Amino acid sequence: MGNGLDRRRSGEETPRHPEKAHRPDQPLARKPDWIRVKAPGSAEYAKTRTIVREGRLNTVCEEAGCPN
């Protein structure tokens, strides 16, 4: 008895969710410009960011794309 991984290995495409199997693919609409706001920075933020970059560290917020 196989699982979903067997189908992926064989190259057969499967929808991510069974409910999407009979729906046509729809392209994602671009978000409006007003929703993309650049957060203001500070000297302390810049210092912290430099330390993180120099140490080649990853932060949870950056990896997850948190808005805060």
C-alpha atoms as a PDB file:
ATOM      1  CA  MET A   1       0.000   0.000   0.000  1.00  0.00           C
ATOM      2  CA  GLY A   2       1.505   3.310  -1.082  1.00  0.00           C
ATOM      3  CA  ASN A   3       1.252   6.773   0.298  1.00  0.00           C
ATOM      4  CA  GLY A   4       1.377  10.261  -1.199  1.00  0.00           C
ATOM      5  CA  LEU A   5       5.158  10.172  -1.306  1.00  0.00           C
ATOM      6  CA  ASP A   6       5.091   7.288  -3.797  1.00  0.00           C
ATOM      7  CA  ARG A   7       3.074   9.416  -6.233  1.00  0.00           C
ATOM      8  CA  ARG A   8       5.437  12.367  -5.893  1.00  0.00           C
ATOM      9  CA  ARG A   9       8.442  10.193  -6.595  1.00  0.00           C
ATOM     10  CA  SER A  10       6.819   8.836  -9.741  1.00  0.00           C
ATOM     11  CA  GLY A  11       6.323  12.382 -11.048  1.00  0.00           C
ATOM     12  CA  GLU A  12       2.526  12.228 -10.825  1.00  0.00           C
ATOM     13  CA  GLU A  13       1.142  15.557  -9.669  1.00  0.00           C
ATOM     14  CA  THR A  14      -1.413  15.658  -6.883  1.00  0.00           C
ATOM     15  CA  PRO A  15      -3.287  18.684  -5.513  1.00  0.00           C
ATOM     16  CA  ARG A  16      -2.271  19.961  -2.108  1.00  0.00           C
ATOM     17  CA  HIS A  17      -5.783  19.355  -0.802  1.00  0.00           C
ATOM     18  CA  PRO A  18      -8.507  17.042  -2.155  1.00  0.00           C
ATOM     19  CA  GLU A  19     -11.013  19.922  -2.337  1.00  0.00           C
ATOM     20  CA  LYS A  20      -8.730  21.673  -4.836  1.00  0.00           C
ATOM     21  CA  ALA A  21      -8.647  18.700  -7.211  1.00  0.00           C
ATOM     22  CA  HIS A  22     -11.542  19.926  -9.371  1.00  0.00           C
ATOM     23  CA  ARG A  23     -10.838  23.666  -9.230  1.00  0.00           C
ATOM     24  CA  PRO A  24      -8.782  25.408 -11.888  1.00  0.00           C
ATOM     25  CA  ASP A  25      -5.563  27.035 -10.697  1.00  0.00           C
ATOM     26  CA  GLN A  26      -5.919  30.767 -10.115  1.00  0.00           C
ATOM     27  CA  PRO A  27      -2.905  33.070 -10.154  1.00  0.00           C
ATOM     28  CA  LEU A  28      -2.298  34.909  -6.897  1.00  0.00           C
ATOM     29  CA  ALA A  29      -3.209  38.570  -7.109  1.00  0.00           C
ATOM     30  CA  ARG A  30      -0.519  41.086  -6.174  1.00  0.00           C
ATOM     31  CA  LYS A  31      -1.112  42.852  -2.874  1.00  0.00           C
ATOM     32  CA  PRO A  32      -1.777  46.598  -3.151  1.00  0.00           C
ATOM     33  CA  ASP A  33       1.159  48.964  -2.625  1.00  0.00           C
ATOM     34  CA  TRP A  34      -0.431  50.584   0.428  1.00  0.00           C
ATOM     35  CA  ILE A  35      -0.294  47.289   2.332  1.00  0.00           C
ATOM     36  CA  ARG A  36       3.496  47.109   1.999  1.00  0.00           C
ATOM     37  CA  VAL A  37       4.813  49.584   4.541  1.00  0.00           C
ATOM     38  CA  LYS A  38       8.498  49.802   5.442  1.00  0.00           C
ATOM     39  CA  ALA A  39       9.016  49.877   9.183  1.00  0.00           C
ATOM     40  CA  PRO A  40      11.138  52.753  10.464  1.00  0.00           C
ATOM     41  CA  GLY A  41      14.567  51.779  11.770  1.00  0.00           C
ATOM     42  CA  SER A  42      16.592  53.093  14.675  1.00  0.00           C
ATOM     43  CA  ALA A  43      20.251  53.186  15.635  1.00  0.00           C
ATOM     44  CA  GLU A  44      19.736  50.335  18.114  1.00  0.00           C
ATOM     45  CA  TYR A  45      18.001  48.223  15.472  1.00  0.00           C
ATOM     46  CA  ALA A  46      20.852  48.851  13.022  1.00  0.00           C
ATOM     47  CA  LYS A  47      23.409  47.879  15.676  1.00  0.00           C
ATOM     48  CA  THR A  48      21.535  44.663  16.502  1.00  0.00           C
ATOM     49  CA  ARG A  49      21.132  43.815  12.833  1.00  0.00           C
ATOM     50  CA  THR A  50      24.872  44.314  12.257  1.00  0.00           C
ATOM     51  CA  ILE A  51      25.696  41.958  15.135  1.00  0.00           C
ATOM     52  CA  VAL A  52      23.321  39.331  13.745  1.00  0.00           C
ATOM     53  CA  ARG A  53      24.765  39.656  10.221  1.00  0.00           C
ATOM     54  CA  GLU A  54      28.392  39.576  11.341  1.00  0.00           C
ATOM     55  CA  GLY A  55      27.708  36.491  13.442  1.00  0.00           C
ATOM     56  CA  ARG A  56      25.947  34.873  10.458  1.00  0.00           C
ATOM     57  CA  LEU A  57      22.931  34.237  12.712  1.00  0.00           C
ATOM     58  CA  ASN A  58      19.313  33.717  11.742  1.00  0.00           C
ATOM     59  CA  THR A  59      16.412  35.153  13.674  1.00  0.00           C
ATOM     60  CA  VAL A  60      13.027  33.532  14.073  1.00  0.00           C
ATOM     61  CA  CYS A  61      11.307  36.701  12.871  1.00  0.00           C
ATOM     62  CA  GLU A  62      13.309  36.885   9.644  1.00  0.00           C
ATOM     63  CA  GLU A  63      12.931  33.184   8.884  1.00  0.00           C
ATOM     64  CA  ALA A  64       9.171  33.282   9.464  1.00  0.00           C
ATOM     65  CA  GLY A  65       8.701  36.640   7.749  1.00  0.00           C
ATOM     66  CA  CYS A  66       7.000  38.156  10.805  1.00  0.00           C
ATOM     67  CA  PRO A  67       5.555  41.616  10.209  1.00  0.00           C
ATOM     68  CA  ASN A  68       6.762  42.975  13.569  1.00  0.00           C
END
